[in-house]
Amino acid sequence: KVVGDMALFMVQNHLTEQDVLERGHAMDFPGSVVEMFSGDLGQPYGGFPKELQKIILKGKEPLTVRPGELLEPVDFEALKEELFHKLGREVTIFDVVAYALYPKVFMDYEKVAELYGNVSVLDTPTFFYGMRLGEEIDVEIEQGKTLMVKLVSIGEPQPDGNRVLYLEFNGQPREIIVKDESVKATVAQRVKGNRENPNHISATMPGTVIKVVVKEGDEVKKGDSMAITEAMKMETTVQAPFNGKVKKVYVNDGDAIQTGDLLIELDH
């Protein structure tokens, strides 16, 4: 995962190994890469490359012991109670362990499950692209129980924006009303950052803005967190490259961004 995150980061930004070594002090590396070089995943045989570690950590002191030695014991009963109140349903030990390991990913999954049900029963092409007219798929809804689903036709859009899907479940006709998401939304053209302007803090990968930490007029110091972005489950903390003042913020929480989009403009 870490190697993949770093590879994507370098490919998206057209970076070579030498670029990272020479200009890495001004780059916001993926969170997983920072965590690994911090020692959060343990110590590799022979240690980390010292020069690269300093560049990635930007002054942060790495761990020198097994990270598990510093962790507080997990209270699984308390975690189970917390999860029960968040989800409003009975939780299993699998839910608790998944939440303990990956709290954000687990809650994101629960939101999807609440909206669409158990999508894990769908095959990969159907999950990503939907069904084609006349297509029939087999869905194993539980062990030993398979449902044959066929998409017969799709109704015209209704005034309320919904459509009626006509399907067959094991040969029996069924109608399902769904919201029509096929209308293309107007995509806002975002301002692109100037790579030659050190005051421009731009997106390094396409993804989503999870949280904007600063606002216009804020004073920031070098290394301060200004925003958190996510791309393909890879979180990146956008840090201030120098001491300065936030001149303008170009994005909001939840915004979709592309590589090179201007996120924040600073002023010395």
C-alpha atoms as a PDB file:
ATOM      1  CA  LYS A   1       0.000   0.000   0.000  1.00  0.00           C
ATOM      2  CA  VAL A   2       2.713   2.496   0.947  1.00  0.00           C
ATOM      3  CA  VAL A   3       4.801   1.671  -2.120  1.00  0.00           C
ATOM      4  CA  GLY A   4       1.709   2.067  -4.308  1.00  0.00           C
ATOM      5  CA  ASP A   5       0.805   5.406  -2.703  1.00  0.00           C
ATOM      6  CA  MET A   6       4.312   6.745  -3.246  1.00  0.00           C
ATOM      7  CA  ALA A   7       4.395   5.458  -6.822  1.00  0.00           C
ATOM      8  CA  LEU A   8       1.067   7.145  -7.623  1.00  0.00           C
ATOM      9  CA  PHE A   9       2.245  10.366  -5.998  1.00  0.00           C
ATOM     10  CA  MET A  10       5.429  10.405  -8.078  1.00  0.00           C
ATOM     11  CA  VAL A  11       3.702   9.473 -11.342  1.00  0.00           C
ATOM     12  CA  GLN A  12       0.930  12.054 -10.895  1.00  0.00           C
ATOM     13  CA  ASN A  13       3.475  14.787 -10.233  1.00  0.00           C
ATOM     14  CA  HIS A  14       6.032  13.633 -12.839  1.00  0.00           C
ATOM     15  CA  LEU A  15       8.713  13.181 -10.185  1.00  0.00           C
ATOM     16  CA  THR A  16      11.972  11.283 -10.374  1.00  0.00           C
ATOM     17  CA  GLU A  17      13.973   9.944  -7.447  1.00  0.00           C
ATOM     18  CA  GLN A  18      16.290  12.927  -7.768  1.00  0.00           C
ATOM     19  CA  ASP A  19      13.320  15.342  -7.739  1.00  0.00           C
ATOM     20  CA  VAL A  20      12.176  13.900  -4.411  1.00  0.00           C
ATOM     21  CA  LEU A  21      15.646  14.192  -2.905  1.00  0.00           C
ATOM     22  CA  GLU A  22      16.175  17.741  -4.158  1.00  0.00           C
ATOM     23  CA  ARG A  23      12.689  19.234  -3.727  1.00  0.00           C
ATOM     24  CA  GLY A  24      11.039  16.911  -1.228  1.00  0.00           C
ATOM     25  CA  HIS A  25      11.278  19.412   1.629  1.00  0.00           C
ATOM     26  CA  ALA A  26       8.519  21.426  -0.107  1.00  0.00           C
ATOM     27  CA  MET A  27       6.284  18.439  -0.964  1.00  0.00           C
ATOM     28  CA  ASP A  28       3.278  17.074   0.912  1.00  0.00           C
ATOM     29  CA  PHE A  29       3.801  13.318   0.862  1.00  0.00           C
ATOM     30  CA  PRO A  30       0.921  10.816   1.248  1.00  0.00           C
ATOM     31  CA  GLY A  31      -0.008  10.164   4.862  1.00  0.00           C
ATOM     32  CA  SER A  32       0.832   6.463   4.601  1.00  0.00           C
ATOM     33  CA  VAL A  33       4.382   7.294   3.454  1.00  0.00           C
ATOM     34  CA  VAL A  34       4.890   9.718   6.348  1.00  0.00           C
ATOM     35  CA  GLU A  35       3.555   7.114   8.793  1.00  0.00           C
ATOM     36  CA  MET A  36       5.916   4.434   7.492  1.00  0.00           C
ATOM     37  CA  PHE A  37       8.991   6.645   7.690  1.00  0.00           C
ATOM     38  CA  SER A  38       7.859   7.699  11.184  1.00  0.00           C
ATOM     39  CA  GLY A  39       8.197   4.074  12.243  1.00  0.00           C
ATOM     40  CA  ASP A  40       4.463   3.496  12.676  1.00  0.00           C
ATOM     41  CA  LEU A  41       4.716   0.271  10.641  1.00  0.00           C
ATOM     42  CA  GLY A  42       7.877  -0.917  12.393  1.00  0.00           C
ATOM     43  CA  GLN A  43      11.568  -0.761  11.579  1.00  0.00           C
ATOM     44  CA  PRO A  44      12.918  -2.261   8.345  1.00  0.00           C
ATOM     45  CA  TYR A  45      16.035  -4.401   8.393  1.00  0.00           C
ATOM     46  CA  GLY A  46      18.972  -2.020   8.140  1.00  0.00           C
ATOM     47  CA  GLY A  47      16.826   1.014   8.958  1.00  0.00           C
ATOM     48  CA  PHE A  48      15.408   3.727   6.713  1.00  0.00           C
ATOM     49  CA  PRO A  49      17.493   5.751   4.231  1.00  0.00           C
ATOM     50  CA  LYS A  50      18.444   8.619   6.553  1.00  0.00           C
ATOM     51  CA  GLU A  51      18.437  11.390   3.961  1.00  0.00           C
ATOM     52  CA  LEU A  52      15.045  10.404   2.553  1.00  0.00           C
ATOM     53  CA  GLN A  53      13.595   9.970   6.042  1.00  0.00           C
ATOM     54  CA  LYS A  54      14.608  13.524   7.008  1.00  0.00           C
ATOM     55  CA  ILE A  55      13.052  14.904   3.826  1.00  0.00           C
ATOM     56  CA  ILE A  56       9.747  13.100   4.348  1.00  0.00           C
ATOM     57  CA  LEU A  57       9.419  13.734   8.091  1.00  0.00           C
ATOM     58  CA  LYS A  58      10.441  17.423   7.873  1.00  0.00           C
ATOM     59  CA  GLY A  59      11.886  17.561  11.380  1.00  0.00           C
ATOM     60  CA  LYS A  60       9.463  15.130  13.015  1.00  0.00           C
ATOM     61  CA  GLU A  61      11.204  12.647  15.311  1.00  0.00           C
ATOM     62  CA  PRO A  62      10.678   9.021  14.197  1.00  0.00           C
ATOM     63  CA  LEU A  63       9.965   6.113  16.506  1.00  0.00           C
ATOM     64  CA  THR A  64      12.892   3.916  17.457  1.00  0.00           C
ATOM     65  CA  VAL A  65      10.876   1.178  19.166  1.00  0.00           C
ATOM     66  CA  ARG A  66       8.148  -1.195  18.084  1.00  0.00           C
ATOM     67  CA  PRO A  67       5.037   1.024  17.666  1.00  0.00           C
ATOM     68  CA  GLY A  68       2.869  -1.499  19.497  1.00  0.00           C
ATOM     69  CA  GLU A  69       4.806  -0.807  22.698  1.00  0.00           C
ATOM     70  CA  LEU A  70       3.405   2.729  22.754  1.00  0.00           C
ATOM     71  CA  LEU A  71      -0.233   1.836  22.084  1.00  0.00           C
ATOM     72  CA  GLU A  72      -2.816   1.967  24.830  1.00  0.00           C
ATOM     73  CA  PRO A  73      -4.767  -1.287  25.329  1.00  0.00           C
ATOM     74  CA  VAL A  74      -8.051  -1.327  23.399  1.00  0.00           C
ATOM     75  CA  ASP A  75     -11.231  -1.551  25.458  1.00  0.00           C
ATOM     76  CA  PHE A  76     -13.311  -3.660  23.073  1.00  0.00           C
ATOM     77  CA  GLU A  77     -16.429  -3.458  25.237  1.00  0.00           C
ATOM     78  CA  ALA A  78     -16.302   0.344  25.289  1.00  0.00           C
ATOM     79  CA  LEU A  79     -15.643   0.368  21.550  1.00  0.00           C
ATOM     80  CA  LYS A  80     -18.608  -1.947  21.002  1.00  0.00           C
ATOM     81  CA  GLU A  81     -20.836   0.377  23.026  1.00  0.00           C
ATOM     82  CA  GLU A  82     -19.592   3.418  21.080  1.00  0.00           C
ATOM     83  CA  LEU A  83     -20.235   1.687  17.767  1.00  0.00           C
ATOM     84  CA  PHE A  84     -23.695   0.578  18.876  1.00  0.00           C
ATOM     85  CA  HIS A  85     -24.690   4.201  19.550  1.00  0.00           C
ATOM     86  CA  LYS A  86     -23.211   5.379  16.242  1.00  0.00           C
ATOM     87  CA  LEU A  87     -24.879   2.710  14.110  1.00  0.00           C
ATOM     88  CA  GLY A  88     -28.083   2.199  16.068  1.00  0.00           C
ATOM     89  CA  ARG A  89     -27.900  -1.575  15.624  1.00  0.00           C
ATOM     90  CA  GLU A  90     -26.310  -4.634  17.173  1.00  0.00           C
ATOM     91  CA  VAL A  91     -22.640  -4.919  16.267  1.00  0.00           C
ATOM     92  CA  THR A  92     -20.470  -7.992  15.829  1.00  0.00           C
ATOM     93  CA  ILE A  93     -16.887  -8.585  16.901  1.00  0.00           C
ATOM     94  CA  PHE A  94     -15.940  -8.222  13.224  1.00  0.00           C
ATOM     95  CA  ASP A  95     -17.499  -4.732  13.216  1.00  0.00           C
ATOM     96  CA  VAL A  96     -15.586  -3.801  16.366  1.00  0.00           C
ATOM     97  CA  VAL A  97     -12.216  -5.021  15.071  1.00  0.00           C
ATOM     98  CA  ALA A  98     -12.711  -3.324  11.694  1.00  0.00           C
ATOM     99  CA  TYR A  99     -13.673  -0.076  13.443  1.00  0.00           C
ATOM    100  CA  ALA A 100     -10.671  -0.292  15.779  1.00  0.00           C
ATOM    101  CA  LEU A 101      -8.263  -0.753  12.867  1.00  0.00           C
ATOM    102  CA  TYR A 102      -9.831   1.516  10.237  1.00  0.00           C
ATOM    103  CA  PRO A 103     -12.443   3.797  11.864  1.00  0.00           C
ATOM    104  CA  LYS A 104     -12.935   6.163   8.905  1.00  0.00           C
ATOM    105  CA  VAL A 105     -12.990   3.432   6.250  1.00  0.00           C
ATOM    106  CA  PHE A 106     -15.449   1.386   8.308  1.00  0.00           C
ATOM    107  CA  MET A 107     -17.832   4.318   8.811  1.00  0.00           C
ATOM    108  CA  ASP A 108     -17.633   5.184   5.095  1.00  0.00           C
ATOM    109  CA  TYR A 109     -18.580   1.578   4.327  1.00  0.00           C
ATOM    110  CA  GLU A 110     -21.518   1.769   6.739  1.00  0.00           C
ATOM    111  CA  LYS A 111     -22.816   4.892   4.988  1.00  0.00           C
ATOM    112  CA  VAL A 112     -22.746   3.062   1.648  1.00  0.00           C
ATOM    113  CA  ALA A 113     -24.428   0.015   3.179  1.00  0.00           C
ATOM    114  CA  GLU A 114     -27.157   2.213   4.676  1.00  0.00           C
ATOM    115  CA  LEU A 115     -27.864   3.771   1.266  1.00  0.00           C
ATOM    116  CA  TYR A 116     -27.559   0.735  -0.995  1.00  0.00           C
ATOM    117  CA  GLY A 117     -27.672  -2.353   1.200  1.00  0.00           C
ATOM    118  CA  ASN A 118     -25.181  -5.201   1.036  1.00  0.00           C
ATOM    119  CA  VAL A 119     -23.437  -4.442  -2.261  1.00  0.00           C
ATOM    120  CA  SER A 120     -20.834  -7.139  -1.593  1.00  0.00           C
ATOM    121  CA  VAL A 121     -23.166  -9.676  -3.248  1.00  0.00           C
ATOM    122  CA  LEU A 122     -22.754  -7.918  -6.620  1.00  0.00           C
ATOM    123  CA  ASP A 123     -20.072  -8.924  -9.097  1.00  0.00           C
ATOM    124  CA  THR A 124     -17.393  -6.327  -9.870  1.00  0.00           C
ATOM    125  CA  PRO A 125     -18.642  -5.148 -13.325  1.00  0.00           C
ATOM    126  CA  THR A 126     -22.199  -4.695 -12.008  1.00  0.00           C
ATOM    127  CA  PHE A 127     -20.968  -2.828  -8.945  1.00  0.00           C
ATOM    128  CA  PHE A 128     -18.923  -0.351 -10.996  1.00  0.00           C
ATOM    129  CA  TYR A 129     -20.926  -0.038 -14.222  1.00  0.00           C
ATOM    130  CA  GLY A 130     -24.469  -1.282 -13.565  1.00  0.00           C
ATOM    131  CA  MET A 131     -26.488  -3.663 -15.726  1.00  0.00           C
ATOM    132  CA  ARG A 132     -27.086  -3.428 -19.468  1.00  0.00           C
ATOM    133  CA  LEU A 133     -30.545  -3.827 -20.970  1.00  0.00           C
ATOM    134  CA  GLY A 134     -31.353  -7.505 -21.332  1.00  0.00           C
ATOM    135  CA  GLU A 135     -28.465  -8.554 -19.108  1.00  0.00           C
ATOM    136  CA  GLU A 136     -29.021 -11.254 -16.510  1.00  0.00           C
ATOM    137  CA  ILE A 137     -26.827 -11.793 -13.466  1.00  0.00           C
ATOM    138  CA  ASP A 138     -26.781 -14.267 -10.592  1.00  0.00           C
ATOM    139  CA  VAL A 139     -26.803 -12.784  -7.098  1.00  0.00           C
ATOM    140  CA  GLU A 140     -26.118 -15.058  -4.132  1.00  0.00           C
ATOM    141  CA  ILE A 141     -28.104 -13.303  -1.412  1.00  0.00           C
ATOM    142  CA  GLU A 142     -27.215 -15.952   1.171  1.00  0.00           C
ATOM    143  CA  GLN A 143     -25.473 -19.302   1.232  1.00  0.00           C
ATOM    144  CA  GLY A 144     -27.304 -21.697  -1.081  1.00  0.00           C
ATOM    145  CA  LYS A 145     -29.820 -19.061  -2.218  1.00  0.00           C
ATOM    146  CA  THR A 146     -29.169 -17.455  -5.606  1.00  0.00           C
ATOM    147  CA  LEU A 147     -31.348 -14.849  -7.280  1.00  0.00           C
ATOM    148  CA  MET A 148     -31.381 -14.497 -11.073  1.00  0.00           C
ATOM    149  CA  VAL A 149     -31.854 -10.809 -11.879  1.00  0.00           C
ATOM    150  CA  LYS A 150     -32.611  -9.545 -15.393  1.00  0.00           C
ATOM    151  CA  LEU A 151     -32.910  -5.893 -16.453  1.00  0.00           C
ATOM    152  CA  VAL A 152     -35.837  -5.841 -18.902  1.00  0.00           C
ATOM    153  CA  SER A 153     -36.320  -2.127 -19.584  1.00  0.00           C
ATOM    154  CA  ILE A 154     -35.850   1.383 -18.199  1.00  0.00           C
ATOM    155  CA  GLY A 155     -38.757   3.822 -18.064  1.00  0.00           C
ATOM    156  CA  GLU A 156     -38.664   7.458 -19.152  1.00  0.00           C
ATOM    157  CA  PRO A 157     -37.699  10.139 -16.605  1.00  0.00           C
ATOM    158  CA  GLN A 158     -40.633  11.261 -14.471  1.00  0.00           C
ATOM    159  CA  PRO A 159     -41.327  14.875 -13.431  1.00  0.00           C
ATOM    160  CA  ASP A 160     -39.870  14.183  -9.992  1.00  0.00           C
ATOM    161  CA  GLY A 161     -36.588  13.014 -11.543  1.00  0.00           C
ATOM    162  CA  ASN A 162     -37.177   9.318 -10.951  1.00  0.00           C
ATOM    163  CA  ARG A 163     -37.275   6.404 -13.383  1.00  0.00           C
ATOM    164  CA  VAL A 164     -38.956   3.014 -13.154  1.00  0.00           C
ATOM    165  CA  LEU A 165     -36.731  -0.002 -13.725  1.00  0.00           C
ATOM    166  CA  TYR A 166     -38.502  -3.119 -14.969  1.00  0.00           C
ATOM    167  CA  LEU A 167     -36.712  -6.276 -13.873  1.00  0.00           C
ATOM    168  CA  GLU A 168     -37.271  -9.979 -13.455  1.00  0.00           C
ATOM    169  CA  PHE A 169     -36.299 -11.756 -10.253  1.00  0.00           C
ATOM    170  CA  ASN A 170     -36.191 -15.503 -10.917  1.00  0.00           C
ATOM    171  CA  GLY A 171     -38.567 -14.880 -13.830  1.00  0.00           C
ATOM    172  CA  GLN A 172     -41.047 -12.823 -11.786  1.00  0.00           C
ATOM    173  CA  PRO A 173     -41.615  -9.192 -12.933  1.00  0.00           C
ATOM    174  CA  ARG A 174     -40.622  -6.460 -10.503  1.00  0.00           C
ATOM    175  CA  GLU A 175     -40.638  -2.659 -10.672  1.00  0.00           C
ATOM    176  CA  ILE A 176     -38.132  -0.501  -8.831  1.00  0.00           C
ATOM    177  CA  ILE A 177     -38.157   3.301  -8.672  1.00  0.00           C
ATOM    178  CA  VAL A 178     -34.730   4.933  -8.715  1.00  0.00           C
ATOM    179  CA  LYS A 179     -33.479   8.507  -8.891  1.00  0.00           C
ATOM    180  CA  ASP A 180     -32.092   9.402 -12.333  1.00  0.00           C
ATOM    181  CA  GLU A 181     -28.420  10.295 -11.864  1.00  0.00           C
ATOM    182  CA  SER A 182     -27.641  10.345 -15.589  1.00  0.00           C
ATOM    183  CA  VAL A 183     -27.999  14.104 -16.001  1.00  0.00           C
ATOM    184  CA  LYS A 184     -24.523  15.556 -16.193  1.00  0.00           C
ATOM    185  CA  ALA A 185     -23.812  18.115 -13.524  1.00  0.00           C
ATOM    186  CA  THR A 186     -22.007  21.263 -14.489  1.00  0.00           C
ATOM    187  CA  VAL A 187     -18.414  20.888 -13.297  1.00  0.00           C
ATOM    188  CA  ALA A 188     -16.938  24.066 -11.936  1.00  0.00           C
ATOM    189  CA  GLN A 189     -13.699  25.028 -13.635  1.00  0.00           C
ATOM    190  CA  ARG A 190     -11.237  25.560 -10.834  1.00  0.00           C
ATOM    191  CA  VAL A 191      -8.313  27.933 -10.834  1.00  0.00           C
ATOM    192  CA  LYS A 192      -5.026  26.168 -11.561  1.00  0.00           C
ATOM    193  CA  GLY A 193      -1.980  26.868  -9.449  1.00  0.00           C
ATOM    194  CA  ASN A 194       1.241  28.243 -10.881  1.00  0.00           C
ATOM    195  CA  ARG A 195       4.041  25.770 -10.145  1.00  0.00           C
ATOM    196  CA  GLU A 196       6.554  28.608 -10.342  1.00  0.00           C
ATOM    197  CA  ASN A 197       4.725  30.617  -7.673  1.00  0.00           C
ATOM    198  CA  PRO A 198       5.730  29.397  -4.169  1.00  0.00           C
ATOM    199  CA  ASN A 199       2.620  31.067  -2.712  1.00  0.00           C
ATOM    200  CA  HIS A 200       0.343  28.729  -4.662  1.00  0.00           C
ATOM    201  CA  ILE A 201      -0.517  25.501  -2.828  1.00  0.00           C
ATOM    202  CA  SER A 202      -1.978  23.130  -5.419  1.00  0.00           C
ATOM    203  CA  ALA A 203      -3.478  19.629  -5.412  1.00  0.00           C
ATOM    204  CA  THR A 204      -0.894  16.930  -6.071  1.00  0.00           C
ATOM    205  CA  MET A 205      -3.469  14.285  -7.069  1.00  0.00           C
ATOM    206  CA  PRO A 206      -7.125  14.168  -8.162  1.00  0.00           C
ATOM    207  CA  GLY A 207      -9.457  13.420  -5.276  1.00  0.00           C
ATOM    208  CA  THR A 208     -11.574  15.081  -2.595  1.00  0.00           C
ATOM    209  CA  VAL A 209     -10.998  17.763   0.016  1.00  0.00           C
ATOM    210  CA  ILE A 210     -11.773  16.128   3.358  1.00  0.00           C
ATOM    211  CA  LYS A 211     -11.215  19.173   5.538  1.00  0.00           C
ATOM    212  CA  VAL A 212      -9.945  22.736   5.192  1.00  0.00           C
ATOM    213  CA  VAL A 213      -8.189  23.650   8.429  1.00  0.00           C
ATOM    214  CA  VAL A 214      -7.372  27.317   7.771  1.00  0.00           C
ATOM    215  CA  LYS A 215      -9.299  30.394   6.673  1.00  0.00           C
ATOM    216  CA  GLU A 216      -8.358  33.634   4.967  1.00  0.00           C
ATOM    217  CA  GLY A 217      -6.245  35.851   7.187  1.00  0.00           C
ATOM    218  CA  ASP A 218      -4.854  33.032   9.354  1.00  0.00           C
ATOM    219  CA  GLU A 219      -1.170  33.140  10.228  1.00  0.00           C
ATOM    220  CA  VAL A 220       0.598  29.834   9.546  1.00  0.00           C
ATOM    221  CA  LYS A 221       4.028  28.501  10.376  1.00  0.00           C
ATOM    222  CA  LYS A 222       6.099  26.156   8.249  1.00  0.00           C
ATOM    223  CA  GLY A 223       4.748  22.619   8.638  1.00  0.00           C
ATOM    224  CA  ASP A 224       1.291  23.673   9.886  1.00  0.00           C
ATOM    225  CA  SER A 225      -1.592  21.609   8.542  1.00  0.00           C
ATOM    226  CA  MET A 226      -3.769  23.678   6.197  1.00  0.00           C
ATOM    227  CA  ALA A 227      -6.004  21.028   4.606  1.00  0.00           C
ATOM    228  CA  ILE A 228      -6.496  17.282   4.275  1.00  0.00           C
ATOM    229  CA  THR A 229      -7.191  15.689   0.902  1.00  0.00           C
ATOM    230  CA  GLU A 230      -7.992  12.122  -0.100  1.00  0.00           C
ATOM    231  CA  ALA A 231      -7.321  10.244  -3.328  1.00  0.00           C
ATOM    232  CA  MET A 232      -8.037   6.527  -3.744  1.00  0.00           C
ATOM    233  CA  LYS A 233      -8.165   6.005   0.058  1.00  0.00           C
ATOM    234  CA  MET A 234      -4.846   7.843   0.365  1.00  0.00           C
ATOM    235  CA  GLU A 235      -4.967  10.814   2.731  1.00  0.00           C
ATOM    236  CA  THR A 236      -2.515  13.688   2.335  1.00  0.00           C
ATOM    237  CA  THR A 237      -1.989  16.529   4.783  1.00  0.00           C
ATOM    238  CA  VAL A 238      -1.338  19.800   2.974  1.00  0.00           C
ATOM    239  CA  GLN A 239       1.279  21.667   4.998  1.00  0.00           C
ATOM    240  CA  ALA A 240       2.470  25.255   4.917  1.00  0.00           C
ATOM    241  CA  PRO A 241       5.850  25.320   3.124  1.00  0.00           C
ATOM    242  CA  PHE A 242       6.915  28.482   4.963  1.00  0.00           C
ATOM    243  CA  ASN A 243       5.789  30.992   7.589  1.00  0.00           C
ATOM    244  CA  GLY A 244       3.147  33.278   6.156  1.00  0.00           C
ATOM    245  CA  LYS A 245      -0.467  34.371   5.980  1.00  0.00           C
ATOM    246  CA  VAL A 246      -3.405  32.742   4.217  1.00  0.00           C
ATOM    247  CA  LYS A 247      -4.360  35.121   1.421  1.00  0.00           C
ATOM    248  CA  LYS A 248      -7.206  33.088  -0.094  1.00  0.00           C
ATOM    249  CA  VAL A 249      -8.805  29.643   0.231  1.00  0.00           C
ATOM    250  CA  TYR A 250     -10.131  28.277  -3.061  1.00  0.00           C
ATOM    251  CA  VAL A 251     -11.822  25.062  -1.876  1.00  0.00           C
ATOM    252  CA  ASN A 252     -14.321  23.841   0.700  1.00  0.00           C
ATOM    253  CA  ASP A 253     -14.826  20.574   2.566  1.00  0.00           C
ATOM    254  CA  GLY A 254     -16.099  17.874   0.211  1.00  0.00           C
ATOM    255  CA  ASP A 255     -14.987  19.561  -3.032  1.00  0.00           C
ATOM    256  CA  ALA A 256     -13.744  17.359  -5.868  1.00  0.00           C
ATOM    257  CA  ILE A 257     -10.313  18.421  -7.101  1.00  0.00           C
ATOM    258  CA  GLN A 258      -7.958  17.613  -9.953  1.00  0.00           C
ATOM    259  CA  THR A 259      -4.173  17.608 -10.095  1.00  0.00           C
ATOM    260  CA  GLY A 260      -2.899  21.173 -10.216  1.00  0.00           C
ATOM    261  CA  ASP A 261      -6.058  22.817  -8.832  1.00  0.00           C
ATOM    262  CA  LEU A 262      -5.211  25.783  -6.618  1.00  0.00           C
ATOM    263  CA  LEU A 263      -6.219  24.986  -3.036  1.00  0.00           C
ATOM    264  CA  ILE A 264      -4.761  27.813  -0.973  1.00  0.00           C
ATOM    265  CA  GLU A 265      -2.807  30.970  -1.729  1.00  0.00           C
ATOM    266  CA  LEU A 266      -0.327  32.223   0.846  1.00  0.00           C
ATOM    267  CA  ASP A 267       1.388  35.544   1.346  1.00  0.00           C
ATOM    268  CA  HIS A 268       4.844  35.984   2.821  1.00  0.00           C
END
